[in-house]
Protein backbone atom coordinates (compact mmCIF):
# COMPACT_ATOMS: atom_id res chain seq x y z
CA UNK A 1 77.36 -9.11 6.31
CA UNK A 2 75.60 -7.10 8.72
CA UNK A 3 73.58 -5.71 6.18
CA UNK A 4 72.90 -9.12 4.60
CA UNK A 5 71.54 -10.01 8.02
CA UNK A 6 69.49 -6.84 8.92
CA UNK A 7 67.88 -7.47 5.30
CA UNK A 8 66.86 -11.02 6.31
CA UNK A 9 65.51 -9.77 9.40
CA UNK A 10 63.54 -7.16 7.48
CA UNK A 11 62.64 -9.87 4.96
CA UNK A 12 61.20 -12.25 7.75
CA UNK A 13 59.17 -9.68 9.91
CA UNK A 14 57.48 -8.31 6.66
CA UNK A 15 56.70 -11.80 5.40
CA UNK A 16 55.11 -12.90 8.76
CA UNK A 17 53.08 -9.88 8.35
CA UNK A 18 51.85 -11.29 5.15
CA UNK A 19 51.22 -14.43 6.46
CA UNK A 20 49.03 -12.95 9.22
CA UNK A 21 47.38 -11.02 6.77
CA UNK A 22 46.09 -14.05 4.95
CA UNK A 23 45.79 -15.97 8.02
CA UNK A 24 42.79 -13.31 9.08
CA UNK A 25 41.43 -13.64 5.51
CA UNK A 26 41.04 -17.30 5.94
CA UNK A 27 39.88 -17.11 9.61
CA UNK A 28 37.10 -14.55 8.56
CA UNK A 29 36.05 -16.66 5.42
CA UNK A 30 32.96 -17.20 7.10
CA UNK A 31 32.09 -13.52 8.55
CA UNK A 32 29.02 -12.02 6.83
CA UNK A 33 29.93 -8.99 4.43
CA UNK A 34 34.02 -9.47 5.49
CA UNK A 35 36.24 -7.69 2.48
CA UNK A 36 39.65 -9.24 2.69
CA UNK A 37 42.87 -7.41 3.80
CA UNK A 38 45.76 -7.10 1.37
CA UNK A 39 49.50 -6.25 1.34
CA UNK A 40 52.04 -4.93 -0.86
CA UNK A 41 55.26 -4.67 -0.13
CA UNK A 42 58.42 -1.58 -0.95
CA UNK A 43 62.03 -1.59 -1.09
CA UNK A 44 63.81 0.46 1.34
CA UNK A 45 66.56 3.05 0.80
CA UNK A 46 68.37 2.90 -2.58
CA UNK A 47 71.48 4.67 -3.33
CA UNK A 48 72.67 4.88 -7.01
CA UNK A 49 75.07 2.33 -8.15
CA UNK A 50 73.96 0.79 -4.28
CA UNK A 51 72.03 -2.08 -3.07
CA UNK A 52 68.50 -2.11 -1.54
CA UNK A 53 68.72 -2.19 2.76
CA UNK A 54 65.53 -4.81 2.97
CA UNK A 55 61.62 -4.65 2.56
CA UNK A 56 59.37 -2.57 3.96
CA UNK A 57 55.16 -2.55 4.15
CA UNK A 58 54.11 -0.66 1.82
CA UNK A 59 50.01 -0.86 2.46
CA UNK A 60 47.39 -3.00 3.89
CA UNK A 61 43.88 -2.15 2.24
CA UNK A 62 40.64 -3.73 2.06
CA UNK A 63 39.80 -5.19 -0.86
CA UNK A 64 36.06 -4.32 -1.77
CA UNK A 65 35.27 -6.74 -3.99
CA UNK A 66 32.13 -8.59 -4.83
CA UNK A 67 31.37 -11.47 -2.38
CA UNK A 68 29.08 -14.44 -3.17
CA UNK A 69 25.51 -14.07 -2.18
CA UNK A 70 23.63 -16.83 -0.88
CA UNK A 71 20.07 -17.49 0.00
CA UNK A 72 19.26 -18.22 3.47
CA UNK A 73 15.37 -17.77 3.72
CA UNK A 74 15.63 -15.67 6.23
CA UNK A 75 13.12 -12.84 5.24
CA UNK A 76 15.17 -10.57 7.95
CA UNK A 77 19.04 -11.16 5.99
CA UNK A 78 19.91 -8.71 3.20
CA UNK A 79 22.89 -8.43 1.22
CA UNK A 80 23.83 -5.64 -1.06
CA UNK A 81 25.10 -6.66 -4.93
CA UNK A 82 27.12 -3.98 -6.36
CA UNK A 83 28.73 -1.05 -4.47
CA UNK A 84 27.76 0.78 -1.25
CA UNK A 85 27.52 0.29 2.55
CA UNK A 86 24.73 -0.43 5.03
CA UNK A 87 24.11 2.57 7.51
CA UNK A 88 24.11 1.62 11.23
CA UNK A 89 24.43 3.84 14.07
CA UNK A 90 25.31 3.50 17.29
CA UNK A 91 23.05 3.32 20.11
CA UNK A 92 25.46 5.68 22.87
CA UNK A 93 26.45 7.95 20.84
CA UNK A 94 24.71 7.99 17.66
CA UNK A 95 27.89 8.04 16.02
CA UNK A 96 27.02 6.61 12.11
CA UNK A 97 29.05 3.76 11.20
CA UNK A 98 29.16 1.48 7.28
CA UNK A 99 28.91 -2.11 6.73
CA UNK A 100 28.33 -4.88 4.45
CA UNK A 101 27.24 -7.35 7.13
CA UNK A 102 23.17 -7.40 6.50
CA UNK A 103 22.96 -10.66 9.17
CA UNK A 104 20.18 -8.11 10.94
CA UNK A 105 18.00 -8.75 13.93
CA UNK A 106 14.65 -7.11 15.80
CA UNK A 107 15.91 -5.79 19.42
CA UNK A 108 13.45 -6.16 21.74
CA UNK A 109 12.49 -2.52 21.50
CA UNK A 110 11.19 -2.91 17.81
CA UNK A 111 14.14 -1.66 15.87
CA UNK A 112 16.07 -3.36 13.16
CA UNK A 113 19.25 -3.70 14.44
CA UNK A 114 22.88 -5.61 13.34
CA UNK A 115 23.80 -8.50 15.29
CA UNK A 116 26.24 -5.82 17.58
CA UNK A 117 22.66 -3.82 18.29
CA UNK A 118 23.92 -1.10 16.35
CA UNK A 119 20.67 0.31 14.42
CA UNK A 120 19.99 0.22 10.53
CA UNK A 121 19.46 3.15 9.00
CA UNK A 122 17.30 4.25 6.08
CA UNK A 123 13.75 5.96 5.39
CA UNK A 124 10.85 5.58 6.56
CA UNK A 125 6.97 6.61 5.59
CA UNK A 126 6.56 10.29 5.14
CA UNK A 127 3.25 10.24 5.93
CA UNK A 128 0.42 8.29 7.31
CA UNK A 129 -3.31 8.64 5.57
CA UNK A 130 -5.95 7.45 7.30
CA UNK A 131 -9.24 6.93 5.94
CA UNK A 132 -12.02 5.58 8.36
CA UNK A 133 -15.72 5.01 9.65
CA UNK A 134 -14.78 6.87 12.90
CA UNK A 135 -12.11 9.37 12.59
CA UNK A 136 -11.08 8.42 15.89
CA UNK A 137 -10.05 5.06 14.95
CA UNK A 138 -6.60 5.20 13.69
CA UNK A 139 -5.26 1.51 13.92
CA UNK A 140 -6.24 -2.13 13.15
CA UNK A 141 -7.46 -3.78 16.19
CA UNK A 142 -9.43 -7.09 17.00
CA UNK A 143 -12.45 -5.00 15.46
CA UNK A 144 -11.53 -5.29 12.21
CA UNK A 145 -11.68 -8.87 11.33
CA UNK A 146 -12.34 -8.80 7.92
CA UNK A 147 -9.41 -8.11 5.37
CA UNK A 148 -9.90 -6.44 2.38
CA UNK A 149 -6.75 -5.09 0.66
CA UNK A 150 -3.14 -4.97 1.13
CA UNK A 151 -1.28 -3.58 -1.94
CA UNK A 152 1.82 -1.49 -3.20
CA UNK A 153 1.36 1.36 -5.86
CA UNK A 154 4.99 1.98 -6.43
CA UNK A 155 5.28 4.71 -9.44
CA UNK A 156 7.72 6.52 -11.44
CA UNK A 157 8.53 9.70 -9.65
CA UNK A 158 9.97 7.31 -6.52
CA UNK A 159 7.13 7.32 -4.39
CA UNK A 160 5.71 4.09 -2.89
CA UNK A 161 1.64 4.13 -1.47
CA UNK A 162 1.06 0.96 0.56
CA UNK A 163 -2.41 0.16 0.80
CA UNK A 164 -4.25 -1.80 3.92
CA UNK A 165 -7.65 -1.87 4.35
CA UNK A 166 -9.70 -4.01 6.85
CA UNK A 167 -13.44 -3.98 8.04
CA UNK A 168 -15.63 -4.77 11.01
CA UNK A 169 -17.38 -7.96 10.27
CA UNK A 170 -20.24 -6.61 8.32
CA UNK A 171 -21.49 -10.05 7.68
CA UNK A 172 -22.66 -9.96 11.36
CA UNK A 173 -23.72 -6.56 11.24
CA UNK A 174 -25.39 -6.24 7.93
CA UNK A 175 -29.37 -6.49 8.18
CA UNK A 176 -32.73 -5.55 5.65
CA UNK A 177 -33.23 -1.91 5.42
CA UNK A 178 -36.09 -0.38 7.02
CA UNK A 179 -39.22 -1.03 4.94
CA UNK A 180 -40.07 2.68 5.02
CA UNK A 181 -37.01 2.60 2.84
CA UNK A 182 -38.65 0.70 -0.12
CA UNK A 183 -38.12 2.30 -3.46
CA UNK A 184 -34.91 3.96 -2.18
CA UNK A 185 -32.23 2.20 -3.39
CA UNK A 186 -33.34 -0.22 -0.56
CA UNK A 187 -31.12 -3.33 0.26
CA UNK A 188 -31.72 -6.76 1.91
CA UNK A 189 -28.70 -7.74 4.25
CA UNK A 190 -27.45 -10.48 1.51
CA UNK A 191 -27.33 -7.53 -1.13
CA UNK A 192 -25.22 -5.77 1.38
CA UNK A 193 -22.94 -8.12 1.49
CA UNK A 194 -22.79 -8.80 -2.01
CA UNK A 195 -22.56 -5.49 -2.54
CA UNK A 196 -19.29 -5.32 -0.30
CA UNK A 197 -17.70 -8.38 -2.09
CA UNK A 198 -18.27 -6.99 -5.69
CA UNK A 199 -16.87 -3.39 -4.57
CA UNK A 200 -13.52 -5.35 -3.12
CA UNK A 201 -13.12 -6.91 -5.80
CA UNK A 202 -13.33 -3.53 -8.57
CA UNK A 203 -11.23 -1.78 -6.08
CA UNK A 204 -8.51 -4.80 -6.55
CA UNK A 205 -9.25 -4.42 -10.27
CA UNK A 206 -8.52 -0.40 -9.93
CA UNK A 207 -5.12 -0.85 -8.33
CA UNK A 208 -4.14 -3.83 -10.67
CA UNK A 209 -5.17 -1.10 -13.60
CA UNK A 210 -3.29 1.72 -12.36
CA UNK A 211 0.42 -0.34 -11.43
CA UNK A 212 -0.31 -1.30 -15.47
CA UNK A 213 -0.43 2.30 -16.42
CA UNK A 214 0.47 5.24 -14.00
CA UNK A 215 0.88 8.12 -16.76
CA UNK A 216 -2.41 8.79 -16.62
CA UNK A 217 -3.89 12.32 -14.67
CA UNK A 218 -5.38 12.48 -12.22
CA UNK A 219 -9.36 12.32 -12.64
CA UNK A 220 -12.04 11.33 -10.34
CA UNK A 221 -14.25 8.47 -11.63
CA UNK A 222 -17.94 9.14 -12.12
CA UNK A 223 -20.71 6.48 -12.35
CA UNK A 224 -23.47 6.79 -15.01
CA UNK A 225 -26.91 7.81 -13.58
CA UNK A 226 -30.11 7.42 -15.49
CA UNK A 227 -33.36 8.58 -15.40
CA UNK A 228 -37.09 6.87 -17.16
CA UNK A 229 -40.12 9.23 -16.21
CA UNK A 230 -43.59 6.98 -16.59
CA UNK A 231 -45.68 9.85 -15.33
CA UNK A 232 -46.90 10.60 -18.59
CA UNK A 233 -48.71 7.09 -19.20
CA UNK A 234 -51.12 7.58 -15.74
CA UNK A 235 -54.39 7.94 -18.22
CA UNK A 236 -53.70 4.69 -20.51
CA UNK A 237 -53.01 2.11 -17.17
CA UNK A 238 -55.48 -0.75 -17.11
CA UNK A 239 -57.61 -1.87 -14.29
CA UNK A 240 -55.34 -4.85 -13.86
CA UNK A 241 -52.17 -6.94 -15.37
CA UNK A 242 -50.37 -3.69 -16.21
CA UNK A 243 -46.86 -4.77 -16.61
CA UNK A 244 -43.84 -2.34 -16.23
CA UNK A 245 -40.47 -4.08 -17.37
CA UNK A 246 -36.67 -2.53 -18.09
CA UNK A 247 -33.54 -4.57 -19.45
CA UNK A 248 -30.22 -3.55 -17.88
CA UNK A 249 -27.01 -5.16 -19.36
CA UNK A 250 -29.09 -7.89 -21.00
CA UNK A 251 -30.89 -8.89 -17.51
CA UNK A 252 -34.99 -8.05 -17.53
CA UNK A 253 -36.99 -6.92 -14.52
CA UNK A 254 -39.94 -6.54 -14.55
CA UNK A 255 -43.11 -5.97 -12.39
CA UNK A 256 -47.23 -6.57 -13.10
CA UNK A 257 -49.72 -4.56 -11.16
CA UNK A 258 -53.17 -3.75 -10.59
CA UNK A 259 -54.55 0.42 -10.37
CA UNK A 260 -56.32 0.51 -7.12
CA UNK A 261 -59.86 2.72 -7.40
CA UNK A 262 -59.58 3.96 -3.60
CA UNK A 263 -56.73 4.91 -1.09
CA UNK A 264 -57.03 5.50 2.79
CA UNK A 265 -55.53 7.88 4.67
CA UNK A 266 -52.53 6.11 6.29
CA UNK A 267 -51.66 4.98 2.21
CA UNK A 268 -51.91 8.64 1.59
CA UNK A 269 -49.69 10.00 3.95
CA UNK A 270 -46.90 6.52 3.28
CA UNK A 271 -47.00 7.98 -0.20
CA UNK A 272 -46.51 11.50 0.39
CA UNK A 273 -43.76 10.58 2.73
CA UNK A 274 -41.90 8.45 0.15
CA UNK A 275 -41.32 11.29 -2.19
CA UNK A 276 -39.01 14.56 -2.12
CA UNK A 277 -40.28 18.15 -2.56
CA UNK A 278 -39.86 17.18 -6.79
CA UNK A 279 -41.63 14.05 -6.44
CA UNK A 280 -44.52 15.71 -4.83
CA UNK A 281 -44.68 18.15 -7.13
CA UNK A 282 -44.44 15.94 -10.04
CA UNK A 283 -47.91 14.42 -8.86
CA UNK A 284 -49.47 17.39 -7.28
CA UNK A 285 -49.49 16.01 -3.99
CA UNK A 286 -50.22 17.95 -1.01
CA UNK A 287 -49.86 17.03 2.52
CA UNK A 288 -52.66 14.51 3.60
CA UNK A 289 -53.15 16.11 6.38
CA UNK A 290 -53.94 19.91 4.38
CA UNK A 291 -57.26 17.89 2.73
CA UNK A 292 -59.96 18.73 4.04
CA UNK A 293 -62.20 15.98 5.12
CA UNK A 294 -65.46 14.74 4.05
CA UNK A 295 -66.64 14.96 7.13
CA UNK A 296 -65.93 18.49 7.61
CA UNK A 297 -67.55 19.61 3.76
CA UNK A 298 -70.28 17.44 4.94
CA UNK A 299 -71.09 19.90 7.59
CA UNK A 300 -70.62 23.07 6.08
CA UNK A 301 -73.38 25.37 5.68
CA UNK A 302 -75.45 25.71 2.13
CA UNK A 303 -77.93 28.44 3.07
CA UNK A 304 -76.83 31.36 0.71
CA UNK A 305 -75.58 30.65 -3.04
CA UNK A 306 -72.19 31.57 -1.71
CA UNK A 307 -71.99 29.19 1.21
CA UNK A 308 -73.47 26.51 -1.85
CA UNK A 309 -70.24 27.72 -4.05
CA UNK A 310 -68.14 27.50 -1.48
CA UNK A 311 -69.45 23.82 -0.90
CA UNK A 312 -69.31 22.43 -3.88
CA UNK A 313 -65.39 24.39 -4.79
CA UNK A 314 -64.32 22.30 -1.26
CA UNK A 315 -65.33 19.39 -2.42
CA UNK A 316 -64.38 19.37 -5.70
CA UNK A 317 -60.90 20.40 -4.56
CA UNK A 318 -60.63 17.33 -1.96
CA UNK A 319 -61.83 14.99 -5.06
CA UNK A 320 -59.13 16.51 -7.10
CA UNK A 321 -56.59 16.05 -4.17
CA UNK A 322 -57.67 12.52 -3.38
CA UNK A 323 -57.97 11.55 -6.83
CA UNK A 324 -54.05 12.64 -7.91
CA UNK A 325 -53.09 10.16 -5.25
CA UNK A 326 -55.87 7.50 -6.64
CA UNK A 327 -53.88 7.83 -10.05
CA UNK A 328 -49.87 8.18 -8.99
CA UNK A 329 -50.42 5.12 -6.14
CA UNK A 330 -50.24 2.08 -7.94
CA UNK A 331 -47.50 3.47 -10.85
CA UNK A 332 -45.58 4.76 -8.34
CA UNK A 333 -45.77 1.57 -5.95
CA UNK A 334 -45.02 -0.09 -9.01
CA UNK A 335 -41.94 2.07 -9.79
CA UNK A 336 -41.18 1.31 -6.23
CA UNK A 337 -41.00 -2.88 -6.56
CA UNK A 338 -39.08 -2.16 -9.84
CA UNK A 339 -36.59 -0.48 -7.92
CA UNK A 340 -36.14 -2.72 -5.25
CA UNK A 341 -35.30 -5.19 -7.75
CA UNK A 342 -32.57 -3.21 -9.61
CA UNK A 343 -31.42 -2.85 -6.11
CA UNK A 344 -31.21 -6.34 -5.35
CA UNK A 345 -28.88 -6.92 -7.70
CA UNK A 346 -25.16 -6.74 -6.69
CA UNK A 347 -23.44 -3.16 -7.18
CA UNK A 348 -26.73 -1.43 -8.54
CA UNK A 349 -29.14 1.04 -7.05
CA UNK A 350 -32.14 2.50 -7.94
CA UNK A 351 -34.71 5.25 -6.41
CA UNK A 352 -38.34 6.72 -7.21
CA UNK A 353 -37.91 9.54 -4.36
CA UNK A 354 -38.18 12.16 -6.78
CA UNK A 355 -41.31 10.50 -8.75
CA UNK A 356 -39.25 9.13 -11.39
CA UNK A 357 -37.38 5.91 -11.55
CA UNK A 358 -33.38 7.05 -11.01
CA UNK A 359 -31.27 4.10 -11.73
CA UNK A 360 -27.21 4.38 -10.99
CA UNK A 361 -24.65 1.88 -10.20
CA UNK A 362 -22.19 1.25 -7.07
CA UNK A 363 -19.04 0.78 -9.06
CA UNK A 364 -17.22 3.88 -9.66
CA UNK A 365 -16.59 4.71 -13.26
CA UNK A 366 -19.35 2.33 -14.70
CA UNK A 367 -21.81 2.56 -17.29
CA UNK A 368 -24.63 0.03 -17.42
CA UNK A 369 -27.21 -0.10 -20.60
CA UNK A 370 -30.86 0.35 -20.68
CA UNK A 371 -32.95 -0.89 -23.52
CA UNK A 372 -36.59 -2.56 -23.53
CA UNK A 373 -38.04 0.28 -21.12
CA UNK A 374 -41.80 -0.80 -21.24
CA UNK A 375 -45.21 0.00 -19.95
CA UNK A 376 -47.58 -1.98 -21.19
CA UNK A 377 -47.32 -1.54 -24.85
CA UNK A 378 -45.86 1.62 -24.52
CA UNK A 379 -42.22 2.10 -25.14
CA UNK A 380 -39.55 4.90 -23.05
CA UNK A 381 -36.91 5.96 -23.26
CA UNK A 382 -33.93 7.06 -20.91
CA UNK A 383 -31.96 10.41 -19.68
CA UNK A 384 -28.78 9.97 -18.61
CA UNK A 385 -28.96 12.63 -15.75
CA UNK A 386 -24.50 11.65 -15.15
CA UNK A 387 -22.63 9.84 -18.01
CA UNK A 388 -19.70 7.82 -16.55
CA UNK A 389 -16.68 8.74 -16.59
CA UNK A 390 -13.77 5.80 -16.16
CA UNK A 391 -11.31 8.04 -14.33
CA UNK A 392 -7.77 7.51 -13.59
CA UNK A 393 -4.57 7.77 -11.89
CA UNK A 394 -4.89 7.93 -7.92
CA UNK A 395 -7.81 9.80 -7.45
CA UNK A 396 -9.63 6.60 -9.82
CA UNK A 397 -7.88 4.80 -6.93
CA UNK A 398 -9.90 7.14 -4.10
CA UNK A 399 -13.10 6.52 -5.87
CA UNK A 400 -13.17 2.99 -5.89
CA UNK A 401 -12.13 3.21 -2.49
CA UNK A 402 -14.53 5.49 -1.58
CA UNK A 403 -17.44 3.37 -2.96
CA UNK A 404 -16.35 0.60 -0.91
CA UNK A 405 -16.13 2.30 1.80
CA UNK A 406 -20.05 3.71 1.43
CA UNK A 407 -20.79 -0.18 0.52
CA UNK A 408 -19.53 -1.03 4.23
CA UNK A 409 -21.00 1.85 5.92
CA UNK A 410 -24.31 0.73 4.80
CA UNK A 411 -24.08 -3.00 5.95
CA UNK A 412 -23.62 -0.64 9.44
CA UNK A 413 -19.79 -1.71 9.00
CA UNK A 414 -17.12 0.51 9.91
CA UNK A 415 -14.20 1.05 7.49
CA UNK A 416 -10.71 1.59 7.87
CA UNK A 417 -7.59 1.99 5.52
CA UNK A 418 -3.76 3.03 6.29
CA UNK A 419 -1.94 4.25 3.53
CA UNK A 420 1.72 4.59 4.36
CA UNK A 421 3.33 7.13 1.63
CA UNK A 422 7.03 6.81 1.60
CA UNK A 423 9.10 8.80 -1.21
CA UNK A 424 12.73 7.35 -2.39
CA UNK A 425 13.31 9.17 -5.19
CA UNK A 426 15.58 12.33 -3.87
CA UNK A 427 19.33 10.37 -4.52
CA UNK A 428 20.75 13.85 -2.83
CA UNK A 429 19.55 12.46 0.32
CA UNK A 430 20.73 9.75 2.63
CA UNK A 431 18.22 7.92 4.84
CA UNK A 432 19.54 8.63 8.34
CA UNK A 433 16.39 7.61 10.12
CA UNK A 434 15.96 4.48 12.78
CA UNK A 435 13.67 1.80 11.48
CA UNK A 436 10.87 0.28 13.80
CA UNK A 437 9.13 -2.84 12.95
CA UNK A 438 6.69 -3.01 16.01
CA UNK A 439 3.25 -2.33 14.56
CA UNK A 440 1.86 -1.15 17.84
CA UNK A 441 4.89 1.48 18.38
CA UNK A 442 4.43 2.73 14.70
CA UNK A 443 0.34 3.27 15.28
CA UNK A 444 -0.80 0.56 13.03
CA UNK A 445 -2.14 -2.13 14.81
CA UNK A 446 -2.56 -2.72 18.27
CA UNK A 447 -0.30 -6.33 17.77
CA UNK A 448 3.15 -6.05 18.74
CA UNK A 449 4.32 -9.31 16.94
CA UNK A 450 4.70 -9.79 13.52
CA UNK A 451 7.12 -11.21 10.60
CA UNK A 452 9.25 -9.02 9.25
CA UNK A 453 10.58 -9.29 5.95
CA UNK A 454 12.88 -7.38 3.71
CA UNK A 455 12.41 -7.12 -0.48
CA UNK A 456 14.53 -7.17 -3.28
CA UNK A 457 14.27 -3.32 -3.76
CA UNK A 458 15.50 -2.78 0.01
CA UNK A 459 11.92 -1.88 1.21
CA UNK A 460 10.92 -3.86 4.92
CA UNK A 461 7.74 -4.83 5.42
CA UNK A 462 5.74 -6.02 8.54
CA UNK A 463 3.77 -9.22 7.96
CA UNK A 464 0.49 -9.27 9.95
CA UNK A 465 -2.52 -11.17 9.74
CA UNK A 466 -2.42 -11.41 5.75
CA UNK A 467 -1.18 -7.82 5.41
CA UNK A 468 1.82 -6.23 4.50
CA UNK A 469 3.08 -2.81 6.06
CA UNK A 470 5.43 -0.91 5.38
CA UNK A 471 7.66 1.00 7.94
CA UNK A 472 10.90 2.06 6.22
CA UNK A 473 13.36 0.95 3.28
CA UNK A 474 17.18 0.49 3.68
CA UNK A 475 19.61 3.38 2.48
CA UNK A 476 22.87 2.69 1.18
CA UNK A 477 26.01 4.91 1.08
CA UNK A 478 28.82 4.90 -1.20
CA UNK A 479 32.54 6.68 -0.80
CA UNK A 480 35.30 8.24 -3.35
CA UNK A 481 37.74 6.27 -2.15
CA UNK A 482 36.49 2.94 -0.44
CA UNK A 483 40.35 2.17 0.44
CA UNK A 484 40.44 5.30 2.83
CA UNK A 485 37.57 3.89 5.40
CA UNK A 486 38.77 2.96 8.12
CA UNK A 487 38.29 -0.67 9.90
CA UNK A 488 36.61 -0.48 13.20
CA UNK A 489 35.95 -4.11 13.81
CA UNK A 490 32.74 -6.21 14.15
CA UNK A 491 32.12 -5.59 10.21
CA UNK A 492 32.14 -1.77 10.76
CA UNK A 493 33.98 1.06 8.70
CA UNK A 494 34.11 4.55 9.50
CA UNK A 495 34.76 7.69 7.19
CA UNK A 496 37.90 9.18 7.40
CA UNK A 497 39.50 12.44 5.53
CA UNK A 498 41.13 9.61 2.69
CA UNK A 499 37.48 8.26 2.08
CA UNK A 500 35.78 11.46 1.56
CA UNK A 501 32.27 12.32 2.23
CA UNK A 502 29.37 9.54 1.76
CA UNK A 503 26.56 9.87 -0.81
CA UNK A 504 23.63 7.76 -1.48
CA UNK A 505 24.65 5.10 -3.65
CA UNK A 506 20.72 3.50 -3.83
CA UNK A 507 21.36 3.85 -8.27
CA UNK A 508 25.03 1.72 -7.45
CA UNK A 509 23.79 -1.44 -5.95
CA UNK A 510 20.74 -4.01 -5.60
CA UNK A 511 19.43 -5.01 -2.21
CA UNK A 512 18.53 -8.98 -2.31
CA UNK A 513 16.12 -10.09 0.28
CA UNK A 514 16.27 -13.26 2.07
CA UNK A 515 20.25 -13.62 1.38
CA UNK A 516 23.60 -12.63 2.97
CA UNK A 517 26.83 -11.71 1.67
CA UNK A 518 29.81 -14.02 2.36
CA UNK A 519 33.39 -12.90 2.62
CA UNK A 520 34.95 -12.18 -0.43
CA UNK A 521 38.09 -14.36 0.44
CA UNK A 522 39.51 -17.08 -2.46
CA UNK A 523 40.65 -19.71 -0.44
CA UNK A 524 43.06 -20.98 -3.26
CA UNK A 525 44.30 -17.55 -4.10
CA UNK A 526 44.99 -17.39 0.22
CA UNK A 527 45.95 -20.35 0.51
CA UNK A 528 48.64 -20.06 -2.64
CA UNK A 529 50.02 -16.76 -1.23
CA UNK A 530 50.26 -18.40 2.36
CA UNK A 531 53.17 -20.67 1.01
CA UNK A 532 54.59 -18.30 -1.44
CA UNK A 533 55.33 -15.94 2.03
CA UNK A 534 56.09 -19.30 3.79
CA UNK A 535 58.95 -19.87 1.14
CA UNK A 536 60.31 -16.28 1.28
CA UNK A 537 60.01 -16.68 4.77
CA UNK A 538 62.49 -19.68 4.87
CA UNK A 539 64.36 -17.78 2.37
CA UNK A 540 65.02 -15.16 4.58
CA UNK A 541 65.59 -17.04 7.29
CA UNK A 542 68.47 -18.60 5.04
CA UNK A 543 70.38 -15.40 4.45
CA UNK A 544 70.67 -14.50 7.72
CA UNK A 545 72.17 -18.36 8.58
CA UNK A 546 73.99 -17.56 5.63
CA UNK A 547 75.35 -14.02 6.03
CA UNK A 548 76.10 -15.51 9.74
CA UNK A 549 78.51 -17.78 8.58
CA UNK A 550 79.97 -15.68 6.40
CA UNK A 551 80.89 -13.27 9.41
CA UNK A 552 82.16 -16.57 11.39
CA UNK A 553 84.46 -17.06 8.34
CA UNK A 554 85.34 -13.22 8.63
CA UNK A 555 86.11 -13.56 12.31
CA UNK A 556 88.10 -16.41 12.49
CA UNK A 557 90.36 -15.50 9.06
CA UNK A 558 91.24 -12.83 12.06
CA UNK A 559 92.45 -14.94 14.67
């Protein structure tokens, strides 16, 4: 009878523990990421042909089943579907803990932290690549007002390239080229602006193309460059109404010109300065300053046969040098006018610097079709100085970027691109880096406030002025025996000798941004279990009172 009383007491005590466990589960039913406790019992001290000595608690363990994931719309909230834990670090002693609670906040110093100010851990970009007009410019400031691109390239090798490019105000800075540049890629202010906008679209198109197919080798893009030589037909020029024309991609460019029969020293010097060494040699043009003046020739003595011969040779040389300028001047100027018309087309450029008409495109890797090349009724053929190579891989992207950068600089503006590179493909490593979301602290922008969001694959982005900057990626850890983790309160767990060492669990789960994981408490099961423990408690109480009555009867029988 005494044993029965002790058995009843043991039952009351253990069933109370069960009630406490389920009550704790219910009280945490709204706790983010909470994992319910589960209690199990075992009997005590059985002997052969004997009876038990009551009940005892066998285990109280966590049940790490998946909780319901609910959307919150808060960009900094994050949930985990599947196995694993977020990794957090104590600010005081740098000790590492693990949690399923993803209701993160941004601390005053810019770090992503839990509600209890534990720093969330993960990977941060391993390198920051900067392409800029001014090497001293390493971050975006208020000077960079024009947005060019904000994109991510996530390749199949576990590397993400976060590309952001801006420029200064090229619309305000753009101006017409100096008049002396006519015939050498001459651009008006509006043409330069048109070039930038066209090359911006081309850059975006190349990025999208790469995203669709990342298997190509890294081959830089090369643009077509073609040449047309009209110098062989100078003798057939008409005195008036000559027409020089060319069709490029079904668009015809033409100029009408007359042939001048004379030229002054200023015009000769201007023509001479407009050509490079090859162009001067093609038309046999010498430095006008080296041409003997007519006055000097007229003043040459003619007293002897040799002096007469010298004067005649000097006159013939001067006449030939002047005629070379007269014969080429009208043709070269006509080619300059045609070149300027071609250069006015967005993405195109032409030059007569070398005495021929050289046409190329500013679009990296692009080609164009030349047809109907005519000087009056004479047809001409073009020669490719450079064939187009479309390019592929990241080298193709770099070529498109450089083309845009050059166009921006032609408009007297500055270009700045920052590319954050984050490698996350090594599954043998767990990222344990603090993630800072303040762009000024990271040297990306002078803006300290921005909107933080976490993507569905765990990448942390900071959005500012239409740009999305990659600052990190959340890491997850798994354990051989989750039940062996030591609960530390505050939704935190710590590894133990029973849990084993943590390992990278990124392939075992899916991170969902803008959501939270609810507690995995099932109300029906928990309430049912509470009633079971209540009835067991009452039954154990009844065994105590019954045993007490038996004992009381036995005592009275002795009396």
